[in-house]
């Protein structure tokens, strides 16, 4: 996946289809999905909003946000809080995606949270979007069991397919406060995208910070701090995380029958170039 191309396509989508007059035409083409329009400064805490208009598209100049979910499908297993403090934000949950208990907040405008098909998040799933044009993207079959994602400075968090993120892990693309050089007065800790390739396992209580680039098939040990690039099919651990073993990968299950299926899927991943 070309993450930067993906993020640009997402933001082009927002600009061309959600901020201008033809956005209703685009939204009306989502036949397989329900579109819930939510006004600015709206929040709710329930499984699914019952008093919001579904598929009632707004006027082009009306400031709204969008919750897009599969028809007759509820991705929220328990109570999820959604807050919209700006406009033209999008929360998209594909079919089979699930959230146990969620806390998702859009503090600005034109942000996107995307959960691809079968992306499953049990326990607490927290996303705080602090700036405009930020994105949090979870790929197909990726899972978490208690994760917090924080964006700022219009940067994004991009997690590819079939990743597994363990409990009490934080992923953030900004330090939230500037550090500057006293001589030049220049900021030296600028925000940066977080990029996580396919089939990556991030173990419990890890901290993935701005500029992290974890390549496909890799493993991050528990309580690790990642700030840079981790090569594909590597095991990295520590603070800061360092590679301690290469040419390794992982699978989710210990059941032999399911393990063979996972290994077959992994074999399809092995020939690809690490990106």
C-alpha atoms as a PDB file:
ATOM      1  CA  UNK A   1       0.000   0.000   0.000  1.00  0.00           C
ATOM      2  CA  UNK A   2       1.187   3.497  -0.882  1.00  0.00           C
ATOM      3  CA  UNK A   3       0.117   5.220   2.309  1.00  0.00           C
ATOM      4  CA  UNK A   4       0.794   8.770   1.187  1.00  0.00           C
ATOM      5  CA  UNK A   5      -1.178   8.201  -2.003  1.00  0.00           C
ATOM      6  CA  UNK A   6      -3.993   6.719   0.066  1.00  0.00           C
ATOM      7  CA  UNK A   7      -4.121   9.688   2.430  1.00  0.00           C
ATOM      8  CA  UNK A   8      -4.136  12.114  -0.494  1.00  0.00           C
ATOM      9  CA  UNK A   9      -6.991  10.212  -2.142  1.00  0.00           C
ATOM     10  CA  UNK A  10      -8.940  10.329   1.098  1.00  0.00           C
ATOM     11  CA  UNK A  11      -8.497  14.068   1.490  1.00  0.00           C
ATOM     12  CA  UNK A  12      -9.287  14.644  -2.190  1.00  0.00           C
ATOM     13  CA  UNK A  13     -12.468  12.700  -1.552  1.00  0.00           C
ATOM     14  CA  UNK A  14     -13.388  15.005   1.297  1.00  0.00           C
ATOM     15  CA  UNK A  15     -12.642  18.144  -0.717  1.00  0.00           C
ATOM     16  CA  UNK A  16     -14.368  17.122  -3.928  1.00  0.00           C
ATOM     17  CA  UNK A  17     -17.342  15.214  -2.603  1.00  0.00           C
ATOM     18  CA  UNK A  18     -18.079  16.358   0.922  1.00  0.00           C
ATOM     19  CA  UNK A  19     -17.249  20.051   0.760  1.00  0.00           C
ATOM     20  CA  UNK A  20     -18.739  20.939  -2.626  1.00  0.00           C
ATOM     21  CA  UNK A  21     -22.098  20.685  -4.341  1.00  0.00           C
ATOM     22  CA  UNK A  22     -21.528  17.273  -5.917  1.00  0.00           C
ATOM     23  CA  UNK A  23     -20.956  15.489  -2.580  1.00  0.00           C
ATOM     24  CA  UNK A  24     -24.613  14.384  -2.495  1.00  0.00           C
ATOM     25  CA  UNK A  25     -24.178  12.640  -5.834  1.00  0.00           C
ATOM     26  CA  UNK A  26     -21.251  10.691  -4.468  1.00  0.00           C
ATOM     27  CA  UNK A  27     -23.017   9.783  -1.233  1.00  0.00           C
ATOM     28  CA  UNK A  28     -26.117   8.639  -3.074  1.00  0.00           C
ATOM     29  CA  UNK A  29     -23.994   6.026  -4.867  1.00  0.00           C
ATOM     30  CA  UNK A  30     -23.233   4.205  -1.623  1.00  0.00           C
ATOM     31  CA  UNK A  31     -26.134   1.813  -2.107  1.00  0.00           C
ATOM     32  CA  UNK A  32     -24.803  -0.773   0.338  1.00  0.00           C
ATOM     33  CA  UNK A  33     -24.471   1.700   3.200  1.00  0.00           C
ATOM     34  CA  UNK A  34     -26.567   3.818   5.491  1.00  0.00           C
ATOM     35  CA  UNK A  35     -25.531   7.468   5.714  1.00  0.00           C
ATOM     36  CA  UNK A  36     -26.216   9.257   8.974  1.00  0.00           C
ATOM     37  CA  UNK A  37     -25.811  13.023   8.836  1.00  0.00           C
ATOM     38  CA  UNK A  38     -24.711  14.613  12.099  1.00  0.00           C
ATOM     39  CA  UNK A  39     -24.605  18.348  12.684  1.00  0.00           C
ATOM     40  CA  UNK A  40     -21.615  20.185  14.121  1.00  0.00           C
ATOM     41  CA  UNK A  41     -21.144  20.105  17.907  1.00  0.00           C
ATOM     42  CA  UNK A  42     -23.112  16.889  18.197  1.00  0.00           C
ATOM     43  CA  UNK A  43     -22.269  13.980  20.436  1.00  0.00           C
ATOM     44  CA  UNK A  44     -24.047  10.873  21.587  1.00  0.00           C
ATOM     45  CA  UNK A  45     -23.354   7.824  23.677  1.00  0.00           C
ATOM     46  CA  UNK A  46     -25.400   4.855  22.628  1.00  0.00           C
ATOM     47  CA  UNK A  47     -25.142   1.875  20.342  1.00  0.00           C
ATOM     48  CA  UNK A  48     -26.523   3.705  17.331  1.00  0.00           C
ATOM     49  CA  UNK A  49     -28.235   7.076  16.965  1.00  0.00           C
ATOM     50  CA  UNK A  50     -31.990   6.607  16.755  1.00  0.00           C
ATOM     51  CA  UNK A  51     -33.002  10.231  16.283  1.00  0.00           C
ATOM     52  CA  UNK A  52     -30.688  11.177  13.415  1.00  0.00           C
ATOM     53  CA  UNK A  53     -31.823  11.265   9.798  1.00  0.00           C
ATOM     54  CA  UNK A  54     -30.532   8.338   7.770  1.00  0.00           C
ATOM     55  CA  UNK A  55     -29.921   8.857   4.034  1.00  0.00           C
ATOM     56  CA  UNK A  56     -31.386  12.359   4.235  1.00  0.00           C
ATOM     57  CA  UNK A  57     -28.600  14.178   2.461  1.00  0.00           C
ATOM     58  CA  UNK A  58     -27.906  17.792   3.462  1.00  0.00           C
ATOM     59  CA  UNK A  59     -27.724  20.867   1.322  1.00  0.00           C
ATOM     60  CA  UNK A  60     -24.316  21.614  -0.186  1.00  0.00           C
ATOM     61  CA  UNK A  61     -23.665  24.554   2.117  1.00  0.00           C
ATOM     62  CA  UNK A  62     -24.855  22.809   5.280  1.00  0.00           C
ATOM     63  CA  UNK A  63     -22.139  21.996   7.816  1.00  0.00           C
ATOM     64  CA  UNK A  64     -22.573  18.348   8.744  1.00  0.00           C
ATOM     65  CA  UNK A  65     -20.586  15.213   9.472  1.00  0.00           C
ATOM     66  CA  UNK A  66     -21.151  11.689   8.212  1.00  0.00           C
ATOM     67  CA  UNK A  67     -21.447   8.275   9.820  1.00  0.00           C
ATOM     68  CA  UNK A  68     -21.394   5.645   7.067  1.00  0.00           C
ATOM     69  CA  UNK A  69     -22.191   2.038   7.997  1.00  0.00           C
ATOM     70  CA  UNK A  70     -23.539  -1.047   6.240  1.00  0.00           C
ATOM     71  CA  UNK A  71     -27.292  -1.243   5.785  1.00  0.00           C
ATOM     72  CA  UNK A  72     -28.990  -3.239   8.536  1.00  0.00           C
ATOM     73  CA  UNK A  73     -25.612  -3.563  10.237  1.00  0.00           C
ATOM     74  CA  UNK A  74     -24.570  -2.198  13.608  1.00  0.00           C
ATOM     75  CA  UNK A  75     -20.791  -2.113  14.181  1.00  0.00           C
ATOM     76  CA  UNK A  76     -21.166  -0.936  17.783  1.00  0.00           C
ATOM     77  CA  UNK A  77     -21.304  -3.934  20.120  1.00  0.00           C
ATOM     78  CA  UNK A  78     -21.581  -1.869  23.291  1.00  0.00           C
ATOM     79  CA  UNK A  79     -21.612   1.844  24.084  1.00  0.00           C
ATOM     80  CA  UNK A  80     -19.581   4.017  21.728  1.00  0.00           C
ATOM     81  CA  UNK A  81     -19.229   7.779  22.166  1.00  0.00           C
ATOM     82  CA  UNK A  82     -18.935   9.785  18.944  1.00  0.00           C
ATOM     83  CA  UNK A  83     -18.265  13.527  19.115  1.00  0.00           C
ATOM     84  CA  UNK A  84     -18.193  15.936  16.170  1.00  0.00           C
ATOM     85  CA  UNK A  85     -16.917  19.446  16.922  1.00  0.00           C
ATOM     86  CA  UNK A  86     -16.217  20.411  13.305  1.00  0.00           C
ATOM     87  CA  UNK A  87     -17.791  19.657   9.937  1.00  0.00           C
ATOM     88  CA  UNK A  88     -17.253  17.357   6.942  1.00  0.00           C
ATOM     89  CA  UNK A  89     -15.784  14.624   9.132  1.00  0.00           C
ATOM     90  CA  UNK A  90     -16.397  11.003   8.179  1.00  0.00           C
ATOM     91  CA  UNK A  91     -16.655   7.879  10.306  1.00  0.00           C
ATOM     92  CA  UNK A  92     -16.796   4.853   7.990  1.00  0.00           C
ATOM     93  CA  UNK A  93     -17.309   1.287   9.242  1.00  0.00           C
ATOM     94  CA  UNK A  94     -17.387  -1.419   6.571  1.00  0.00           C
ATOM     95  CA  UNK A  95     -19.416  -4.579   6.995  1.00  0.00           C
ATOM     96  CA  UNK A  96     -18.164  -7.029   9.624  1.00  0.00           C
ATOM     97  CA  UNK A  97     -16.146  -4.288  11.345  1.00  0.00           C
ATOM     98  CA  UNK A  98     -16.861  -4.072  15.063  1.00  0.00           C
ATOM     99  CA  UNK A  99     -16.146  -1.829  18.057  1.00  0.00           C
ATOM    100  CA  UNK A 100     -16.589  -3.028  21.628  1.00  0.00           C
ATOM    101  CA  UNK A 101     -16.462   0.167  23.689  1.00  0.00           C
ATOM    102  CA  UNK A 102     -15.419   3.222  21.703  1.00  0.00           C
ATOM    103  CA  UNK A 103     -14.478   6.863  22.257  1.00  0.00           C
ATOM    104  CA  UNK A 104     -14.109   8.662  18.923  1.00  0.00           C
ATOM    105  CA  UNK A 105     -13.760  12.455  18.836  1.00  0.00           C
ATOM    106  CA  UNK A 106     -13.374  14.824  15.896  1.00  0.00           C
ATOM    107  CA  UNK A 107     -12.142  18.112  17.363  1.00  0.00           C
ATOM    108  CA  UNK A 108     -11.761  19.805  13.955  1.00  0.00           C
ATOM    109  CA  UNK A 109     -12.997  19.397  10.376  1.00  0.00           C
ATOM    110  CA  UNK A 110     -12.423  17.179   7.331  1.00  0.00           C
ATOM    111  CA  UNK A 111     -11.083  14.190   9.230  1.00  0.00           C
ATOM    112  CA  UNK A 112     -11.699  10.529   8.498  1.00  0.00           C
ATOM    113  CA  UNK A 113     -11.774   7.378  10.607  1.00  0.00           C
ATOM    114  CA  UNK A 114     -11.963   4.313   8.371  1.00  0.00           C
ATOM    115  CA  UNK A 115     -12.485   0.739   9.528  1.00  0.00           C
ATOM    116  CA  UNK A 116     -12.195  -1.686   6.648  1.00  0.00           C
ATOM    117  CA  UNK A 117     -14.076  -4.969   6.386  1.00  0.00           C
ATOM    118  CA  UNK A 118     -13.737  -7.298   9.382  1.00  0.00           C
ATOM    119  CA  UNK A 119     -11.636  -4.773  11.323  1.00  0.00           C
ATOM    120  CA  UNK A 120     -12.481  -5.675  14.926  1.00  0.00           C
ATOM    121  CA  UNK A 121     -11.755  -3.702  18.094  1.00  0.00           C
ATOM    122  CA  UNK A 122     -12.722  -5.093  21.469  1.00  0.00           C
ATOM    123  CA  UNK A 123     -12.374  -3.398  24.840  1.00  0.00           C
ATOM    124  CA  UNK A 124     -11.575   0.315  24.508  1.00  0.00           C
ATOM    125  CA  UNK A 125     -11.089   1.718  21.007  1.00  0.00           C
ATOM    126  CA  UNK A 126     -10.118   5.389  21.343  1.00  0.00           C
ATOM    127  CA  UNK A 127      -9.500   7.856  18.507  1.00  0.00           C
ATOM    128  CA  UNK A 128      -8.881  11.572  19.101  1.00  0.00           C
ATOM    129  CA  UNK A 129      -8.561  13.734  15.973  1.00  0.00           C
ATOM    130  CA  UNK A 130      -7.101  17.089  17.028  1.00  0.00           C
ATOM    131  CA  UNK A 131      -6.561  18.806  13.677  1.00  0.00           C
ATOM    132  CA  UNK A 132      -8.210  19.217  10.268  1.00  0.00           C
ATOM    133  CA  UNK A 133      -7.563  16.765   7.420  1.00  0.00           C
ATOM    134  CA  UNK A 134      -6.291  13.978   9.646  1.00  0.00           C
ATOM    135  CA  UNK A 135      -6.963  10.307   9.030  1.00  0.00           C
ATOM    136  CA  UNK A 136      -6.966   7.082  11.029  1.00  0.00           C
ATOM    137  CA  UNK A 137      -7.155   4.067   8.733  1.00  0.00           C
ATOM    138  CA  UNK A 138      -7.483   0.406   9.813  1.00  0.00           C
ATOM    139  CA  UNK A 139      -7.101  -2.219   7.098  1.00  0.00           C
ATOM    140  CA  UNK A 140      -9.096  -5.347   6.432  1.00  0.00           C
ATOM    141  CA  UNK A 141      -8.976  -8.034   9.176  1.00  0.00           C
ATOM    142  CA  UNK A 142      -6.886  -5.824  11.488  1.00  0.00           C
ATOM    143  CA  UNK A 143      -7.728  -6.034  15.193  1.00  0.00           C
ATOM    144  CA  UNK A 144      -7.046  -4.328  18.507  1.00  0.00           C
ATOM    145  CA  UNK A 145      -7.846  -5.053  22.142  1.00  0.00           C
ATOM    146  CA  UNK A 146      -7.499  -1.645  23.780  1.00  0.00           C
ATOM    147  CA  UNK A 147      -5.742   0.977  21.653  1.00  0.00           C
ATOM    148  CA  UNK A 148      -5.584   4.783  21.591  1.00  0.00           C
ATOM    149  CA  UNK A 149      -4.899   6.645  18.320  1.00  0.00           C
ATOM    150  CA  UNK A 150      -4.147  10.382  18.461  1.00  0.00           C
ATOM    151  CA  UNK A 151      -3.643  12.643  15.429  1.00  0.00           C
ATOM    152  CA  UNK A 152      -2.580  16.272  15.123  1.00  0.00           C
ATOM    153  CA  UNK A 153      -1.039  18.705  12.614  1.00  0.00           C
ATOM    154  CA  UNK A 154      -3.007  17.127   9.735  1.00  0.00           C
ATOM    155  CA  UNK A 155      -1.022  13.894   9.886  1.00  0.00           C
ATOM    156  CA  UNK A 156      -2.402  10.376   9.824  1.00  0.00           C
ATOM    157  CA  UNK A 157      -2.153   6.854  11.194  1.00  0.00           C
ATOM    158  CA  UNK A 158      -2.306   4.150   8.525  1.00  0.00           C
ATOM    159  CA  UNK A 159      -2.538   0.483   9.525  1.00  0.00           C
ATOM    160  CA  UNK A 160      -2.642  -2.066   6.712  1.00  0.00           C
ATOM    161  CA  UNK A 161      -4.464  -5.422   6.543  1.00  0.00           C
ATOM    162  CA  UNK A 162      -4.289  -8.268   9.083  1.00  0.00           C
ATOM    163  CA  UNK A 163      -2.505  -6.398  11.869  1.00  0.00           C
ATOM    164  CA  UNK A 164      -2.926  -7.196  15.566  1.00  0.00           C
ATOM    165  CA  UNK A 165      -2.493  -4.489  18.214  1.00  0.00           C
ATOM    166  CA  UNK A 166      -2.528  -5.575  21.863  1.00  0.00           C
ATOM    167  CA  UNK A 167      -3.987  -3.848  24.914  1.00  0.00           C
ATOM    168  CA  UNK A 168      -2.863  -0.471  26.270  1.00  0.00           C
ATOM    169  CA  UNK A 169      -1.010   0.506  23.106  1.00  0.00           C
ATOM    170  CA  UNK A 170      -0.827   4.161  22.065  1.00  0.00           C
ATOM    171  CA  UNK A 171      -0.278   5.275  18.471  1.00  0.00           C
ATOM    172  CA  UNK A 172       0.255   8.985  17.905  1.00  0.00           C
ATOM    173  CA  UNK A 173       1.646  11.080  15.047  1.00  0.00           C
ATOM    174  CA  UNK A 174       2.449  14.187  17.098  1.00  0.00           C
ATOM    175  CA  UNK A 175       4.040  15.086  20.424  1.00  0.00           C
ATOM    176  CA  UNK A 176       1.192  17.636  20.817  1.00  0.00           C
ATOM    177  CA  UNK A 177       3.661  20.285  22.083  1.00  0.00           C
ATOM    178  CA  UNK A 178       6.493  21.897  20.116  1.00  0.00           C
ATOM    179  CA  UNK A 179      10.153  21.575  21.003  1.00  0.00           C
ATOM    180  CA  UNK A 180      12.275  24.270  19.354  1.00  0.00           C
ATOM    181  CA  UNK A 181      15.945  25.063  18.943  1.00  0.00           C
ATOM    182  CA  UNK A 182      16.911  28.123  20.991  1.00  0.00           C
ATOM    183  CA  UNK A 183      19.343  29.416  18.364  1.00  0.00           C
ATOM    184  CA  UNK A 184      17.240  29.027  15.229  1.00  0.00           C
ATOM    185  CA  UNK A 185      13.826  29.110  16.920  1.00  0.00           C
ATOM    186  CA  UNK A 186      12.844  26.281  14.572  1.00  0.00           C
ATOM    187  CA  UNK A 187      10.595  23.447  15.693  1.00  0.00           C
ATOM    188  CA  UNK A 188      12.570  20.210  15.836  1.00  0.00           C
ATOM    189  CA  UNK A 189       9.810  17.713  16.636  1.00  0.00           C
ATOM    190  CA  UNK A 190       7.411  18.153  13.732  1.00  0.00           C
ATOM    191  CA  UNK A 191       4.506  15.748  13.428  1.00  0.00           C
ATOM    192  CA  UNK A 192       4.743  12.867  10.939  1.00  0.00           C
ATOM    193  CA  UNK A 193       2.549  10.050   9.653  1.00  0.00           C
ATOM    194  CA  UNK A 194       2.643   6.657  11.356  1.00  0.00           C
ATOM    195  CA  UNK A 195       2.820   3.830   8.806  1.00  0.00           C
ATOM    196  CA  UNK A 196       2.224   0.186   9.728  1.00  0.00           C
ATOM    197  CA  UNK A 197       2.425  -2.452   7.000  1.00  0.00           C
ATOM    198  CA  UNK A 198       0.341  -5.597   6.640  1.00  0.00           C
ATOM    199  CA  UNK A 199       0.474  -8.526   9.097  1.00  0.00           C
ATOM    200  CA  UNK A 200       2.210  -6.628  11.902  1.00  0.00           C
ATOM    201  CA  UNK A 201       1.848  -7.651  15.558  1.00  0.00           C
ATOM    202  CA  UNK A 202       2.276  -4.907  18.164  1.00  0.00           C
ATOM    203  CA  UNK A 203       2.444  -6.361  21.671  1.00  0.00           C
ATOM    204  CA  UNK A 204       1.000  -4.995  24.900  1.00  0.00           C
ATOM    205  CA  UNK A 205       1.692  -1.471  26.203  1.00  0.00           C
ATOM    206  CA  UNK A 206       3.743  -0.388  23.216  1.00  0.00           C
ATOM    207  CA  UNK A 207       4.107   3.261  22.202  1.00  0.00           C
ATOM    208  CA  UNK A 208       4.213   4.013  18.466  1.00  0.00           C
ATOM    209  CA  UNK A 209       5.203   7.641  17.871  1.00  0.00           C
ATOM    210  CA  UNK A 210       5.421  10.102  14.992  1.00  0.00           C
ATOM    211  CA  UNK A 211       7.475   8.936  12.032  1.00  0.00           C
ATOM    212  CA  UNK A 212       7.265   5.252  12.933  1.00  0.00           C
ATOM    213  CA  UNK A 213       7.324   3.025   9.857  1.00  0.00           C
ATOM    214  CA  UNK A 214       6.841  -0.645  10.729  1.00  0.00           C
ATOM    215  CA  UNK A 215       7.176  -2.787   7.625  1.00  0.00           C
ATOM    216  CA  UNK A 216       5.084  -5.842   6.771  1.00  0.00           C
ATOM    217  CA  UNK A 217       5.257  -9.091   8.740  1.00  0.00           C
ATOM    218  CA  UNK A 218       7.106  -7.628  11.728  1.00  0.00           C
ATOM    219  CA  UNK A 219       6.653  -7.996  15.492  1.00  0.00           C
ATOM    220  CA  UNK A 220       7.001  -5.270  18.127  1.00  0.00           C
ATOM    221  CA  UNK A 221       7.716  -6.574  21.631  1.00  0.00           C
ATOM    222  CA  UNK A 222       5.745  -5.559  24.714  1.00  0.00           C
ATOM    223  CA  UNK A 223       6.370  -2.072  26.149  1.00  0.00           C
ATOM    224  CA  UNK A 224       8.438  -1.025  23.149  1.00  0.00           C
ATOM    225  CA  UNK A 225       8.891   2.550  21.931  1.00  0.00           C
ATOM    226  CA  UNK A 226       8.965   2.880  18.134  1.00  0.00           C
ATOM    227  CA  UNK A 227       9.985   6.155  16.497  1.00  0.00           C
ATOM    228  CA  UNK A 228      11.651   5.095  13.239  1.00  0.00           C
ATOM    229  CA  UNK A 229      11.725   2.363  10.619  1.00  0.00           C
ATOM    230  CA  UNK A 230      11.482  -1.342  11.469  1.00  0.00           C
ATOM    231  CA  UNK A 231      12.393  -3.625   8.523  1.00  0.00           C
ATOM    232  CA  UNK A 232       9.943  -6.216   7.259  1.00  0.00           C
ATOM    233  CA  UNK A 233       9.804  -9.646   8.924  1.00  0.00           C
ATOM    234  CA  UNK A 234      11.751  -8.435  11.954  1.00  0.00           C
ATOM    235  CA  UNK A 235      11.347  -8.732  15.720  1.00  0.00           C
ATOM    236  CA  UNK A 236      12.059  -5.429  17.469  1.00  0.00           C
ATOM    237  CA  UNK A 237      11.832  -4.588  21.143  1.00  0.00           C
ATOM    238  CA  UNK A 238      13.021  -2.057  23.704  1.00  0.00           C
ATOM    239  CA  UNK A 239      12.973   1.707  24.232  1.00  0.00           C
ATOM    240  CA  UNK A 240      13.830   2.782  21.639  1.00  0.00           C
ATOM    241  CA  UNK A 241      12.921  -0.393  19.749  1.00  0.00           C
ATOM    242  CA  UNK A 242      15.826  -2.202  18.127  1.00  0.00           C
ATOM    243  CA  UNK A 243      15.769  -5.221  15.835  1.00  0.00           C
ATOM    244  CA  UNK A 244      16.898  -8.337  17.714  1.00  0.00           C
ATOM    245  CA  UNK A 245      15.975 -10.948  15.114  1.00  0.00           C
ATOM    246  CA  UNK A 246      15.234 -10.944  11.388  1.00  0.00           C
ATOM    247  CA  UNK A 247      13.507 -13.287   8.944  1.00  0.00           C
ATOM    248  CA  UNK A 248      10.676 -14.038  11.395  1.00  0.00           C
ATOM    249  CA  UNK A 249       6.915 -13.530  11.422  1.00  0.00           C
ATOM    250  CA  UNK A 250       3.885 -14.684  13.425  1.00  0.00           C
ATOM    251  CA  UNK A 251       0.358 -16.073  13.345  1.00  0.00           C
ATOM    252  CA  UNK A 252      -2.698 -15.537  15.540  1.00  0.00           C
ATOM    253  CA  UNK A 253      -3.752 -19.034  16.517  1.00  0.00           C
ATOM    254  CA  UNK A 254      -2.309 -22.162  18.099  1.00  0.00           C
ATOM    255  CA  UNK A 255      -4.943 -24.411  16.517  1.00  0.00           C
ATOM    256  CA  UNK A 256      -3.122 -26.535  13.965  1.00  0.00           C
ATOM    257  CA  UNK A 257      -5.945 -26.517  11.402  1.00  0.00           C
ATOM    258  CA  UNK A 258      -6.260 -22.734  11.522  1.00  0.00           C
ATOM    259  CA  UNK A 259      -2.495 -22.305  11.650  1.00  0.00           C
ATOM    260  CA  UNK A 260      -2.100 -23.950   8.262  1.00  0.00           C
ATOM    261  CA  UNK A 261      -4.588 -21.492   6.783  1.00  0.00           C
ATOM    262  CA  UNK A 262      -2.661 -18.598   8.308  1.00  0.00           C
ATOM    263  CA  UNK A 263       0.642 -19.902   6.982  1.00  0.00           C
ATOM    264  CA  UNK A 264      -0.899 -20.171   3.532  1.00  0.00           C
ATOM    265  CA  UNK A 265      -1.933 -16.520   3.736  1.00  0.00           C
ATOM    266  CA  UNK A 266       1.515 -15.578   5.011  1.00  0.00           C
ATOM    267  CA  UNK A 267       3.154 -17.350   2.062  1.00  0.00           C
ATOM    268  CA  UNK A 268       1.241 -15.023  -0.235  1.00  0.00           C
ATOM    269  CA  UNK A 269       2.741 -12.096   1.654  1.00  0.00           C
ATOM    270  CA  UNK A 270       6.343 -13.340   1.591  1.00  0.00           C
ATOM    271  CA  UNK A 271       7.175 -12.637  -2.076  1.00  0.00           C
ATOM    272  CA  UNK A 272       6.095  -9.006  -1.872  1.00  0.00           C
ATOM    273  CA  UNK A 273       8.542  -6.185  -1.579  1.00  0.00           C
ATOM    274  CA  UNK A 274       8.802  -4.716   1.875  1.00  0.00           C
ATOM    275  CA  UNK A 275       7.323  -1.240   1.884  1.00  0.00           C
END
